[in-house]
Protein backbone atom coordinates (compact mmCIF):
# COMPACT_ATOMS: atom_id res chain seq x y z
CA MET A 1 -54.51 -60.81 11.20
CA GLU A 2 -52.58 -57.75 10.05
CA PRO A 3 -51.91 -55.30 12.95
CA SER A 4 -52.87 -51.65 12.68
CA HIS A 5 -50.56 -48.80 13.65
CA GLY A 6 -52.45 -48.34 16.90
CA ILE A 7 -51.37 -49.16 20.43
CA LEU A 8 -53.22 -50.97 23.20
CA VAL A 9 -52.54 -49.89 26.79
CA LEU A 10 -53.42 -52.11 29.73
CA GLY A 11 -54.46 -49.70 32.48
CA LEU A 12 -55.97 -52.06 35.04
CA ASN A 13 -55.70 -49.62 37.99
CA PRO A 14 -57.44 -46.39 36.90
CA GLY A 15 -58.58 -43.58 39.16
CA LEU A 16 -60.46 -40.31 38.98
CA GLN A 17 -57.74 -37.69 39.49
CA HIS A 18 -58.18 -34.51 41.57
CA ILE A 19 -55.31 -32.03 41.61
CA LEU A 20 -55.39 -29.25 44.20
CA ARG A 21 -53.06 -26.26 44.13
CA LEU A 22 -52.34 -25.16 47.70
CA ARG A 23 -50.27 -22.48 49.38
CA SER A 24 -48.21 -23.69 52.39
CA LEU A 25 -50.29 -26.69 53.47
CA ASP A 26 -50.97 -26.49 57.21
CA LEU A 27 -51.75 -29.95 58.62
CA GLY A 28 -54.50 -29.95 61.24
CA GLN A 29 -56.09 -26.80 59.81
CA VAL A 30 -58.63 -26.00 57.08
CA ASN A 31 -56.71 -25.51 53.81
CA ARG A 32 -58.48 -23.84 50.90
CA ALA A 33 -57.24 -24.72 47.43
CA GLU A 34 -56.39 -22.00 44.90
CA ALA A 35 -57.32 -24.25 41.98
CA HIS A 36 -58.79 -27.69 41.27
CA THR A 37 -58.21 -29.85 38.19
CA LEU A 38 -60.27 -32.96 37.46
CA GLY A 39 -58.75 -35.63 35.25
CA VAL A 40 -57.88 -39.30 34.86
CA GLY A 41 -55.14 -41.10 36.79
CA GLY A 42 -53.51 -44.51 36.60
CA LYS A 43 -50.28 -45.61 34.90
CA GLY A 44 -51.95 -46.96 31.78
CA GLN A 45 -54.32 -44.04 31.51
CA ASN A 46 -51.42 -41.58 31.80
CA ALA A 47 -49.49 -43.42 29.08
CA ALA A 48 -52.56 -43.37 26.82
CA LYS A 49 -53.04 -39.60 27.25
CA ALA A 50 -49.40 -38.98 26.42
CA ALA A 51 -49.64 -41.16 23.32
CA CYS A 52 -52.73 -39.22 22.21
CA THR A 53 -50.83 -35.94 22.60
CA LEU A 54 -48.26 -37.20 20.12
CA ALA A 55 -50.93 -38.61 17.80
CA LEU A 56 -52.73 -35.27 17.61
CA ALA A 57 -49.60 -33.16 17.18
CA CYS A 58 -47.63 -35.17 14.58
CA GLU A 59 -48.76 -35.51 10.98
CA LYS A 60 -47.33 -39.04 10.76
CA ALA A 61 -49.24 -40.14 13.86
CA ARG A 62 -52.66 -38.68 13.08
CA ARG A 63 -55.58 -41.09 12.94
CA ARG A 64 -53.58 -43.68 14.89
CA ARG A 65 -55.62 -45.51 17.49
CA VAL A 66 -54.85 -45.31 21.20
CA THR A 67 -56.95 -47.79 23.16
CA VAL A 68 -56.92 -48.45 26.90
CA ALA A 69 -58.18 -51.66 28.51
CA GLN A 70 -59.59 -51.08 31.99
CA PHE A 71 -62.08 -51.87 34.73
CA LEU A 72 -64.46 -49.00 35.54
CA GLY A 73 -67.37 -48.75 37.96
CA GLY A 74 -69.71 -46.27 39.60
CA TYR A 75 -69.97 -42.55 38.99
CA THR A 76 -66.19 -42.18 39.13
CA GLY A 77 -65.80 -44.75 36.36
CA GLU A 78 -68.37 -42.96 34.21
CA GLN A 79 -66.53 -39.65 34.65
CA ILE A 80 -63.28 -41.31 33.60
CA ARG A 81 -64.85 -42.70 30.46
CA GLN A 82 -66.30 -39.32 29.51
CA LEU A 83 -62.94 -37.60 30.04
CA GLN A 84 -61.19 -40.23 27.91
CA GLU A 85 -63.68 -39.74 25.08
CA GLN A 86 -62.85 -36.03 25.12
CA GLU A 87 -59.16 -36.93 24.72
CA GLY A 88 -59.89 -39.20 21.76
CA ILE A 89 -58.91 -42.34 23.67
CA GLU A 90 -60.77 -45.50 22.69
CA ASP A 91 -61.45 -48.13 25.33
CA ILE A 92 -62.06 -51.76 26.09
CA THR A 93 -63.92 -51.51 29.38
CA VAL A 94 -65.54 -54.03 31.69
CA ALA A 95 -67.78 -52.88 34.54
CA GLY A 96 -66.48 -53.47 38.04
CA ALA A 97 -66.65 -52.04 41.54
CA MET A 98 -66.56 -48.29 42.19
CA THR A 99 -63.37 -46.88 40.64
CA ARG A 100 -60.98 -45.34 43.15
CA GLU A 101 -59.98 -41.66 43.35
CA PHE A 102 -56.59 -39.91 43.56
CA MET A 103 -55.97 -36.60 45.31
CA THR A 104 -52.74 -34.83 44.29
CA LEU A 105 -51.67 -31.93 46.49
CA VAL A 106 -49.41 -29.43 44.74
CA ASP A 107 -48.22 -27.27 47.62
CA PHE A 108 -46.38 -24.07 46.69
CA PRO A 109 -44.42 -22.15 49.34
CA GLN A 110 -46.05 -19.04 50.75
CA ASP A 111 -43.26 -16.77 49.45
CA SER A 112 -43.89 -17.62 45.76
CA THR A 113 -45.99 -14.82 44.30
CA ASP A 114 -47.80 -16.63 41.53
CA GLY A 115 -47.16 -20.34 42.08
CA ILE A 116 -45.94 -21.18 38.59
CA ASN A 117 -43.29 -19.88 36.22
CA ARG A 118 -42.37 -16.59 37.90
CA VAL A 119 -40.19 -14.68 35.45
CA ASP A 120 -36.87 -13.20 36.55
CA GLU A 121 -35.51 -9.80 35.44
CA ASP A 122 -33.48 -11.34 32.63
CA GLY A 123 -36.57 -13.05 31.17
CA SER A 124 -35.64 -16.53 32.43
CA THR A 125 -37.78 -18.69 34.71
CA PRO A 126 -36.00 -19.39 38.00
CA CYS A 127 -37.41 -22.32 39.93
CA PHE A 128 -35.91 -21.65 43.33
CA ALA A 129 -39.04 -19.83 44.53
CA THR A 130 -41.70 -21.79 42.70
CA SER A 131 -41.11 -25.56 42.77
CA PRO A 132 -43.76 -27.12 45.01
CA THR A 133 -43.94 -30.13 47.29
CA VAL A 134 -46.17 -32.72 45.61
CA SER A 135 -48.03 -35.46 47.51
CA GLU A 136 -50.66 -37.97 46.45
CA LEU A 137 -53.49 -39.60 48.38
CA ILE A 138 -55.27 -42.68 47.00
CA THR A 139 -58.59 -44.10 48.16
CA PRO A 140 -58.94 -47.88 48.70
CA SER A 141 -60.08 -50.01 45.77
CA GLU A 142 -62.24 -53.11 45.72
CA PRO A 143 -60.93 -56.40 44.24
CA VAL A 144 -61.92 -57.21 40.67
CA SER A 145 -64.40 -60.06 40.43
CA MET A 146 -63.32 -63.26 38.71
CA ALA A 147 -66.06 -62.84 36.09
CA ALA A 148 -64.96 -59.28 35.28
CA ALA A 149 -61.30 -60.30 35.07
CA GLU A 150 -62.07 -63.18 32.71
CA GLU A 151 -64.29 -60.98 30.53
CA LEU A 152 -61.72 -58.23 30.11
CA LEU A 153 -58.89 -60.69 29.48
CA SER A 154 -60.95 -62.41 26.79
CA LYS A 155 -61.56 -59.08 25.06
CA VAL A 156 -57.90 -58.05 25.32
CA VAL A 157 -56.63 -61.35 23.91
CA ALA A 158 -59.07 -61.08 21.00
CA ALA A 159 -58.06 -57.49 20.24
CA ALA A 160 -54.29 -57.75 20.84
CA PRO A 161 -53.33 -59.04 17.34
CA THR A 162 -54.81 -55.91 15.75
CA PHE A 163 -52.35 -53.52 17.45
CA ARG A 164 -48.80 -52.56 16.53
CA GLY A 165 -47.84 -52.06 20.16
CA ILE A 166 -49.05 -53.24 23.57
CA LEU A 167 -48.18 -51.53 26.87
CA LEU A 168 -48.42 -53.46 30.14
CA MET A 169 -48.54 -50.65 32.68
CA GLY A 170 -48.15 -51.03 36.43
CA THR A 171 -49.25 -53.66 38.90
CA TRP A 172 -52.41 -55.61 38.19
CA PRO A 173 -55.27 -55.14 40.70
CA SER A 174 -56.44 -57.56 43.37
CA GLY A 175 -58.60 -60.23 41.75
CA THR A 176 -56.30 -60.56 38.75
CA THR A 177 -52.88 -62.18 38.43
CA ARG A 178 -49.70 -61.94 36.36
CA ASP A 179 -51.42 -64.27 33.88
CA PHE A 180 -53.40 -61.28 32.60
CA TYR A 181 -50.18 -59.63 31.35
CA MET A 182 -48.68 -62.90 30.17
CA GLU A 183 -51.71 -63.83 28.08
CA ALA A 184 -52.02 -60.32 26.61
CA ALA A 185 -48.35 -60.29 25.59
CA LYS A 186 -48.58 -63.80 24.15
CA ALA A 187 -51.52 -62.72 21.95
CA LYS A 188 -49.56 -59.98 20.14
CA ALA A 189 -49.10 -59.99 16.37
CA ASN A 190 -45.79 -61.39 15.08
CA ASP A 191 -44.23 -58.00 14.35
CA ALA A 192 -45.86 -56.12 17.24
CA VAL A 193 -43.91 -54.63 20.15
CA VAL A 194 -44.73 -55.24 23.82
CA LEU A 195 -43.50 -52.86 26.53
CA LEU A 196 -43.65 -53.73 30.23
CA ASP A 197 -43.56 -50.99 32.87
CA ALA A 198 -43.91 -52.82 36.19
CA ALA A 199 -41.54 -53.90 38.96
CA LYS A 200 -43.70 -55.60 41.60
CA PRO A 201 -44.41 -58.27 42.74
CA VAL A 202 -40.79 -59.14 41.98
CA GLN A 203 -41.20 -62.87 41.27
CA ASP A 204 -44.23 -62.28 39.06
CA VAL A 205 -42.40 -59.63 37.03
CA LEU A 206 -39.42 -61.97 36.65
CA ASP A 207 -41.77 -64.67 35.38
CA ILE A 208 -43.38 -62.29 32.85
CA LEU A 209 -39.97 -61.25 31.51
CA GLU A 210 -38.75 -64.85 31.33
CA ALA A 211 -41.86 -65.93 29.42
CA GLY A 212 -40.30 -64.34 26.33
CA ASN A 213 -43.00 -62.02 24.97
CA VAL A 214 -41.77 -58.63 26.28
CA ASP A 215 -39.65 -56.64 23.80
CA ILE A 216 -38.99 -53.47 25.84
CA TYR A 217 -38.69 -53.38 29.61
CA LYS A 218 -39.05 -49.81 30.88
CA VAL A 219 -38.07 -49.41 34.53
CA ASN A 220 -36.32 -46.97 36.85
CA ALA A 221 -32.84 -47.53 38.26
CA MET A 222 -33.96 -48.41 41.78
CA GLU A 223 -36.54 -50.89 40.49
CA ILE A 224 -34.16 -52.78 38.18
CA CYS A 225 -31.54 -52.96 40.92
CA ASN A 226 -34.05 -54.40 43.40
CA LEU A 227 -35.50 -56.73 40.78
CA MET A 228 -32.06 -58.21 40.13
CA GLY A 229 -31.29 -58.62 43.84
CA TYR A 230 -29.23 -55.47 44.46
CA GLY A 231 -30.32 -53.41 47.46
CA CYS A 232 -30.84 -49.85 46.24
CA LYS A 233 -32.74 -46.75 47.30
CA GLU A 234 -34.22 -44.06 45.06
CA GLY A 235 -31.50 -41.98 43.38
CA GLU A 236 -28.58 -43.97 44.85
CA ALA A 237 -27.69 -46.24 41.90
CA SER A 238 -24.38 -45.35 40.26
CA GLU A 239 -23.86 -45.54 36.50
CA GLU A 240 -21.48 -48.45 37.01
CA GLN A 241 -24.12 -50.31 39.00
CA ILE A 242 -26.81 -49.60 36.40
CA ARG A 243 -24.59 -50.95 33.62
CA GLU A 244 -23.78 -54.08 35.62
CA VAL A 245 -27.40 -54.76 36.49
CA ALA A 246 -28.53 -54.14 32.90
CA ALA A 247 -25.99 -56.63 31.56
CA LYS A 248 -27.24 -59.29 33.96
CA ALA A 249 -30.87 -58.53 33.13
CA LEU A 250 -30.33 -58.87 29.38
CA LEU A 251 -28.45 -62.12 29.96
CA ARG A 252 -31.30 -63.50 32.05
CA PHE A 253 -34.22 -62.23 29.94
CA SER A 254 -33.13 -63.48 26.55
CA ALA A 255 -36.20 -62.23 24.65
CA VAL A 256 -36.02 -58.62 25.89
CA LYS A 257 -34.55 -56.54 23.07
CA HIS A 258 -34.33 -53.19 24.85
CA LEU A 259 -33.97 -52.17 28.48
CA ALA A 260 -35.01 -48.55 29.09
CA ILE A 261 -33.84 -47.27 32.48
CA THR A 262 -34.77 -43.87 33.91
CA ASP A 263 -33.48 -42.30 37.11
CA GLY A 264 -35.40 -39.10 37.75
CA ALA A 265 -33.42 -36.01 36.75
CA LYS A 266 -30.21 -38.03 36.47
CA ALA A 267 -29.03 -39.69 33.26
CA SER A 268 -31.24 -42.31 31.62
CA PHE A 269 -30.04 -45.32 29.65
CA LEU A 270 -31.20 -47.53 26.79
CA PHE A 271 -29.49 -50.93 26.54
CA SER A 272 -30.17 -52.71 23.25
CA ARG A 273 -29.10 -56.05 21.86
CA ASP A 274 -26.79 -55.79 18.86
CA SER A 275 -25.85 -58.99 17.01
CA ARG A 276 -22.61 -57.41 15.77
CA GLN A 277 -21.52 -55.39 18.80
CA GLY A 278 -23.00 -57.23 21.76
CA THR A 279 -24.97 -54.78 23.90
CA ARG A 280 -25.33 -51.20 22.72
CA CYS A 281 -25.81 -48.55 25.39
CA THR A 282 -27.14 -45.05 24.83
CA ARG A 283 -26.90 -42.55 27.68
CA TYR A 284 -29.33 -39.61 27.78
CA ASP A 285 -28.47 -36.53 29.83
CA LEU A 286 -31.50 -34.43 30.71
CA PRO A 287 -31.74 -30.76 31.70
CA ALA A 288 -31.60 -30.48 35.50
CA VAL A 289 -34.86 -30.43 37.49
CA PRO A 290 -34.85 -28.79 40.94
CA TRP A 291 -37.16 -30.08 43.70
CA ARG A 292 -37.94 -28.53 47.06
CA CYS A 293 -37.26 -30.89 49.98
CA ALA A 294 -40.40 -31.18 52.13
CA ARG A 295 -38.29 -31.51 55.30
CA THR A 296 -35.67 -28.78 54.88
CA GLY A 297 -37.17 -26.50 52.24
CA ASP A 298 -33.90 -26.74 50.29
CA PHE A 299 -33.71 -27.50 46.59
CA ASN A 300 -32.27 -30.85 45.57
CA LEU A 301 -30.09 -30.96 42.46
CA HIS A 302 -27.94 -33.67 40.89
CA SER A 303 -25.12 -34.25 43.40
CA SER A 304 -22.38 -33.71 40.80
CA CYS A 305 -23.64 -30.24 39.82
CA THR A 306 -21.65 -27.18 40.78
CA GLN A 307 -23.83 -24.31 41.92
CA SER A 308 -23.20 -22.06 38.92
CA TRP A 309 -23.51 -24.94 36.44
CA ALA A 310 -26.75 -26.03 38.09
CA ARG A 311 -28.27 -22.55 37.96
CA LYS A 312 -27.40 -22.20 34.28
CA ARG A 313 -28.96 -25.56 33.45
CA ILE A 314 -32.10 -24.84 35.50
CA LEU A 315 -32.79 -21.50 33.88
CA SER A 316 -32.54 -23.01 30.41
CA GLY A 317 -34.07 -26.37 31.25
CA VAL A 318 -36.96 -27.79 33.25
CA CYS A 319 -38.82 -26.04 36.05
CA GLY A 320 -40.27 -28.87 38.13
CA VAL A 321 -43.93 -28.50 39.13
CA ASN A 322 -45.63 -31.92 39.26
CA PRO A 323 -43.63 -35.10 38.57
CA ILE A 324 -46.48 -37.57 39.13
CA GLY A 325 -47.09 -39.56 35.95
CA ALA A 326 -43.84 -38.48 34.27
CA GLY A 327 -42.57 -42.05 33.99
CA ASP A 328 -45.86 -43.19 32.48
CA THR A 329 -45.59 -40.34 30.00
CA VAL A 330 -42.14 -41.59 28.97
CA ALA A 331 -43.56 -45.05 28.28
CA GLY A 332 -46.57 -43.76 26.35
CA VAL A 333 -44.65 -41.45 24.04
CA LEU A 334 -41.77 -43.92 23.59
CA MET A 335 -44.19 -46.53 22.28
CA ALA A 336 -46.38 -44.12 20.33
CA SER A 337 -43.44 -42.54 18.51
CA LEU A 338 -42.05 -45.99 17.69
CA CYS A 339 -45.31 -47.62 16.62
CA PHE A 340 -46.72 -44.57 14.80
CA GLY A 341 -43.56 -44.11 12.72
CA VAL A 342 -42.59 -40.76 14.27
CA ALA A 343 -39.24 -42.08 15.55
CA ASN A 344 -36.75 -43.74 13.22
CA ASP A 345 -35.70 -46.33 15.81
CA VAL A 346 -35.95 -47.21 19.49
CA GLU A 347 -33.09 -44.87 20.41
CA GLU A 348 -34.97 -41.90 18.99
CA ALA A 349 -38.22 -43.17 20.51
CA MET A 350 -36.53 -43.13 23.92
CA LEU A 351 -35.46 -39.55 23.23
CA PHE A 352 -39.06 -38.59 22.44
CA GLY A 353 -40.24 -40.34 25.59
CA LEU A 354 -37.74 -38.63 27.88
CA ALA A 355 -38.54 -35.22 26.38
CA ALA A 356 -42.25 -35.88 26.96
CA GLY A 357 -41.64 -36.93 30.57
CA SER A 358 -39.59 -33.78 31.20
CA ALA A 359 -42.31 -31.63 29.62
CA LYS A 360 -44.91 -33.28 31.84
CA VAL A 361 -42.85 -32.35 34.92
CA LYS A 362 -43.24 -28.69 33.89
CA SER A 363 -47.02 -29.08 34.00
CA GLU A 364 -49.12 -28.79 37.13
CA GLY A 365 -51.78 -31.02 35.61
CA GLU A 366 -52.45 -34.73 35.44
CA GLY A 367 -50.05 -37.40 34.21
CA GLY A 368 -49.76 -37.71 30.44
CA LYS A 369 -50.72 -34.08 29.82
CA LEU A 370 -47.94 -31.97 28.33
CA ASP A 371 -47.23 -29.16 25.91
CA PHE A 372 -45.98 -30.54 22.59
CA GLU A 373 -43.81 -27.52 21.74
CA THR A 374 -42.17 -27.70 25.15
CA MET A 375 -41.52 -31.40 24.54
CA MET A 376 -39.83 -30.72 21.22
CA GLY A 377 -37.67 -27.98 22.77
CA LEU A 378 -36.56 -30.35 25.51
CA LYS A 379 -35.89 -33.09 22.97
CA ALA A 380 -33.29 -30.79 21.40
CA ALA A 381 -31.76 -30.11 24.84
CA ILE A 382 -31.24 -33.78 25.76
CA THR A 383 -27.78 -35.15 24.95
CA ALA A 384 -27.63 -38.75 23.67
CA THR A 385 -24.27 -40.54 23.76
CA ARG A 386 -23.82 -44.03 22.37
CA ALA A 387 -21.34 -46.57 23.72
CA THR A 388 -20.83 -50.29 23.24
CA SER A 389 -20.54 -52.70 26.14
CA GLN A 390 -20.08 -56.45 26.22
C-alpha cells in the first residue's frame, strides 16, 4: 500500500486542558483567575496541533492529513473530539473511561501591569517583569480496558501503512503495554518515518529502540542520560556528556538514524548517521528564554551568559510565558515539515521544530498552539553549526 503524505500521531494519554491566568497565586486563599482557556492536552495531541499549524500555513503542506489515535470517554472526551475537529485534526478513536483533565496555572507576579508582552520605552519586550511561574495539575485516569486497547491497536496497525510518518508520543496508559508502540512502528510503510518521544519506563523504551523500527528518537538531555545509565538532573548535562551519551546510544540502537536532543533554552543537538563521515552532529543555539524561579523570584538564564549579553538576547529573542507542551510541539513540527516536504532534510526539519517549540513558549495557550510568523522569525534567529564526530 502506497503511503500518503499524512502523519499518524499516537496520543494515548489525552486530557481536556484548562489554562488559568492568575496574579500572585496565594495558597490557602480563594484565587480568582483573570482568564480561562479551554483546549486539548496530551503529548500526542499537542504534536498533532502543532503539525496542523504547519499544514495550514505552508502551501506545500496544505491538504496533508494529521490523524491522532486516542482513547476518549465521557463528556471530557466528547469536548476533546469537538475541539480537534475545529483544528482540522482527524482521529482514530476508541471509547474508554472518562478522559482526564489538566489544569495549568499561569501565575504572573503582582507587579506586572498587563501579564504579557509589556513593551519597554525602546519598543522592545523585556521579560524581567512578565515571565510567570507555570504549574500543572492532572486528575487521575482510569486504566484502559483490554478490549479497548486491542480495538485501537487493531485500527492503528491497519491504518499505519497509509501514513508517511508515525509519532509515538509519551508513555502509554495503564492497561496497555510497550507492545502497542512496537506493533504500530512495525506496521509502517517501507519508506515511512517513525519518531519516538518517550523515556519511561526505561527498559521498555530500550526494548522499543532495539526492536529496530524507530528512525528518529527525540528526547531531552536529562532523559537520554538517564536512559543510558548516566545520573543526570534537568539542565545539568554538559555538551561533552551529551555527545558521549549520543555516541553510545547510536552504537546500541543500530536502526535509529537520527537522535534529536533538546535541553530547554540551552543548545539542542541532532546526531545523524553518515555512511561516509561516521556520525554527523548539528548543534542548534536558540535565543535565550528567561524564567522566574518560583522559590526566589529571580530570573534563570543560561549559566554561561553575561548579564549584558543575556539582556540583548532576551530583548530580541523569546519571552517565556508557558513552556508546557513545547517539546511536543518540536516533535510535531519536526515530523510534519519532514513528511510534508516543507523541510529539505532532517537537519532543516529539526530547525523548524525548534523554532516552533520556541514560538510555543511565547504563547500563554495550550501545547501545540503557536504563531506561524513568530515561528519563522525564530527559525531565522537559531544558529545551526555542523560538526563531524566518530
